[in-house]
C-alpha cells in the first residue's frame, strides 16, 4: 500500500493525465483519476457515526485535525456490506475543495490508460445503466471501470458532507 502512495506522491501535476488509481470493490476493479486522490489510509481507523445520513455514509474521521466524511463504496453501489479487514483502505479524494474518504476493499495500483484505450460505457438502451461509470479503460485483456467522482459524490451528498465537516 505504501508503494502505491509513493507512486502517487511522485507524480507531478503535468504527469497526472492518463493516470488512474485502481481499487477493488467486490469482484470488480474500478479506477479514479489520480488528480483527485490526496491520500490512502491503510486500515480502518475509528469512524464517528453521524445521525440521519444515508447508510453508505459511514460517518466522519479525524485526519490530522481535519474532519473527513467517509463513504463505503460497497454500500453506495448497493452491494452487500463487506466486513472490514487488513486490506480495507480509505482513499481520500478531493472534489471541489471537499475532502471525502472512500472505503474500498483493496487498493490495487496506479495505471496509465491512454485516451484511445478509454471508451464510453455502453448505451443505456443495452441494459447498462450506471451513471457512476465515466468510461471503461482497456488494459491488456482486462477492463477497469472508471468512476465519475463528481457523480459518485452527488449534489445531495456534497451538501451532507459539507454539513458533516
Protein backbone atom coordinates (compact mmCIF):
# COMPACT_ATOMS: atom_id res chain seq x y z
CA UNK A 1 0.00 0.00 0.00
CA UNK A 2 2.78 2.46 0.83
CA UNK A 3 4.28 1.70 -2.58
CA UNK A 4 1.07 2.88 -4.23
CA UNK A 5 1.06 6.10 -2.17
CA UNK A 6 4.71 6.70 -3.06
CA UNK A 7 3.80 6.33 -6.74
CA UNK A 8 1.06 8.92 -6.28
CA UNK A 9 3.32 11.37 -4.47
CA UNK A 10 5.96 11.09 -7.18
CA UNK A 11 3.50 12.18 -9.84
CA UNK A 12 3.54 15.88 -10.66
CA UNK A 13 0.62 17.91 -11.96
CA UNK A 14 1.92 17.65 -15.53
CA UNK A 15 2.18 13.86 -15.46
CA UNK A 16 -1.25 13.14 -13.96
CA UNK A 17 -3.04 12.98 -17.30
CA UNK A 18 -3.97 9.40 -18.07
CA UNK A 19 -3.03 8.16 -14.58
CA UNK A 20 -5.57 6.25 -12.53
CA UNK A 21 -5.65 4.69 -9.07
CA UNK A 22 -7.28 1.28 -9.28
CA UNK A 23 -9.05 -0.43 -6.40
CA UNK A 24 -11.24 -3.45 -5.78
CA UNK A 25 -14.91 -3.41 -4.81
CA UNK A 26 -16.36 -6.91 -4.63
CA UNK A 27 -15.11 -8.71 -7.74
CA UNK A 28 -14.71 -5.61 -9.92
CA UNK A 29 -11.74 -3.34 -10.39
CA UNK A 30 -12.51 0.37 -10.52
CA UNK A 31 -10.35 3.35 -11.35
CA UNK A 32 -10.40 7.03 -10.43
CA UNK A 33 -8.32 9.78 -11.92
CA UNK A 34 -5.18 10.26 -9.85
CA UNK A 35 -5.69 14.02 -9.78
CA UNK A 36 -8.49 13.52 -7.23
CA UNK A 37 -6.50 11.29 -4.85
CA UNK A 38 -4.81 13.03 -1.94
CA UNK A 39 -4.07 10.13 0.40
CA UNK A 40 -4.52 6.43 1.05
CA UNK A 41 -5.10 5.37 4.64
CA UNK A 42 -4.22 1.73 5.26
CA UNK A 43 -6.70 0.01 7.51
CA UNK A 44 -9.85 1.42 9.02
CA UNK A 45 -9.50 3.94 11.78
CA UNK A 46 -12.22 4.95 14.22
CA UNK A 47 -15.24 6.31 12.36
CA UNK A 48 -17.70 8.51 14.23
CA UNK A 49 -21.26 7.87 13.09
CA UNK A 50 -23.37 10.84 12.09
CA UNK A 51 -27.15 10.56 12.59
CA UNK A 52 -29.67 10.91 9.78
CA UNK A 53 -27.35 10.40 6.82
CA UNK A 54 -27.69 7.74 4.10
CA UNK A 55 -26.42 4.30 5.12
CA UNK A 56 -23.45 4.47 2.72
CA UNK A 57 -22.08 7.48 4.58
CA UNK A 58 -20.36 5.67 7.41
CA UNK A 59 -19.55 8.83 9.36
CA UNK A 60 -16.55 11.10 9.83
CA UNK A 61 -12.89 10.64 10.73
CA UNK A 62 -10.31 13.00 12.18
CA UNK A 63 -7.35 13.05 9.81
CA UNK A 64 -4.57 15.11 11.39
CA UNK A 65 -7.08 17.63 12.72
CA UNK A 66 -9.21 17.76 9.57
CA UNK A 67 -12.71 16.25 9.70
CA UNK A 68 -13.27 13.99 6.67
CA UNK A 69 -16.65 12.40 5.83
CA UNK A 70 -16.34 8.72 4.85
CA UNK A 71 -18.40 6.77 2.29
CA UNK A 72 -18.48 2.98 1.98
CA UNK A 73 -18.35 2.42 -1.78
CA UNK A 74 -19.73 -1.15 -1.48
CA UNK A 75 -22.91 0.19 0.08
CA UNK A 76 -23.05 3.17 -2.32
CA UNK A 77 -23.06 0.68 -5.20
CA UNK A 78 -25.86 -1.31 -3.49
CA UNK A 79 -23.62 -4.31 -2.89
CA UNK A 80 -23.63 -6.39 0.25
CA UNK A 81 -21.65 -4.68 3.01
CA UNK A 82 -18.34 -6.42 3.48
CA UNK A 83 -16.60 -6.75 6.85
CA UNK A 84 -13.52 -4.56 7.02
CA UNK A 85 -10.19 -6.39 7.15
CA UNK A 86 -6.49 -5.59 6.94
CA UNK A 87 -6.77 -4.96 3.15
CA UNK A 88 -9.60 -2.44 3.52
CA UNK A 89 -8.45 1.13 2.89
CA UNK A 90 -9.77 4.65 2.97
CA UNK A 91 -8.85 6.53 -0.20
CA UNK A 92 -9.13 10.25 0.42
CA UNK A 93 -10.19 12.24 -2.63
CA UNK A 94 -10.63 15.96 -3.09
CA UNK A 95 -13.54 17.19 -5.21
CA UNK A 96 -14.14 20.94 -5.49
CA UNK A 97 -12.14 21.63 -2.30
CA UNK A 98 -14.06 19.00 -0.33
CA UNK A 99 -12.15 16.00 1.01
CA UNK A 100 -14.03 12.71 1.26
CA UNK A 101 -12.81 9.25 2.27
CA UNK A 102 -13.86 6.30 0.14
CA UNK A 103 -13.80 2.93 1.89
CA UNK A 104 -12.65 0.34 -0.65
CA UNK A 105 -11.90 -3.38 -0.31
CA UNK A 106 -8.33 -3.11 -1.56
CA UNK A 107 -6.15 -0.59 -3.39
CA UNK A 108 -4.55 -2.23 -6.43
CA UNK A 109 -2.13 0.03 -8.31
CA UNK A 110 -1.56 3.21 -10.26
CA UNK A 111 -2.04 2.66 -14.00
CA UNK A 112 -1.59 4.70 -17.15
CA UNK A 113 -4.54 4.42 -19.50
CA UNK A 114 -4.30 6.43 -22.68
CA UNK A 115 -7.35 8.24 -24.06
CA UNK A 116 -7.54 5.86 -27.04
CA UNK A 117 -7.95 2.95 -24.58
CA UNK A 118 -10.90 4.56 -22.80
CA UNK A 119 -14.34 4.04 -24.26
CA UNK A 120 -17.69 5.37 -23.08
CA UNK A 121 -19.90 2.95 -21.15
CA UNK A 122 -22.47 1.01 -23.18
CA UNK A 123 -25.64 2.84 -24.09
CA UNK A 124 -28.44 2.62 -21.50
CA UNK A 125 -30.63 1.00 -24.18
CA UNK A 126 -28.35 -2.04 -23.99
CA UNK A 127 -29.39 -2.57 -20.37
CA UNK A 128 -26.25 -0.92 -19.00
CA UNK A 129 -27.36 1.94 -16.83
CA UNK A 130 -24.81 3.10 -14.30
CA UNK A 131 -24.35 6.82 -14.02
CA UNK A 132 -21.28 6.42 -11.77
CA UNK A 133 -19.24 5.00 -14.66
CA UNK A 134 -17.49 7.69 -16.70
CA UNK A 135 -15.69 5.32 -19.03
CA UNK A 136 -14.21 1.88 -19.44
CA UNK A 137 -10.45 1.57 -19.63
CA UNK A 138 -8.98 -1.28 -21.65
CA UNK A 139 -5.80 -2.59 -20.04
CA UNK A 140 -4.43 -5.68 -21.79
CA UNK A 141 -7.21 -8.27 -21.70
CA UNK A 142 -8.97 -6.65 -18.74
CA UNK A 143 -11.21 -3.65 -18.24
CA UNK A 144 -11.25 -1.06 -15.48
CA UNK A 145 -14.48 0.77 -14.70
CA UNK A 146 -13.56 4.45 -14.48
CA UNK A 147 -15.68 6.30 -11.95
CA UNK A 148 -17.01 9.81 -12.28
CA UNK A 149 -16.06 11.17 -8.85
CA UNK A 150 -18.35 14.18 -9.10
CA UNK A 151 -21.39 11.97 -9.69
CA UNK A 152 -20.25 9.45 -7.08
CA UNK A 153 -20.50 12.38 -4.68
CA UNK A 154 -23.86 13.68 -5.87
CA UNK A 155 -25.10 17.17 -5.07
CA UNK A 156 -27.16 15.94 -2.13
CA UNK A 157 -24.11 14.13 -0.74
CA UNK A 158 -21.89 17.18 -1.16
CA UNK A 159 -24.37 19.17 0.94
CA UNK A 160 -24.37 16.42 3.61
CA UNK A 161 -20.57 16.20 3.59
CA UNK A 162 -20.25 19.96 3.92
CA UNK A 163 -22.62 19.90 6.91
CA UNK A 164 -20.81 16.92 8.49
CA UNK A 165 -17.39 18.54 8.24
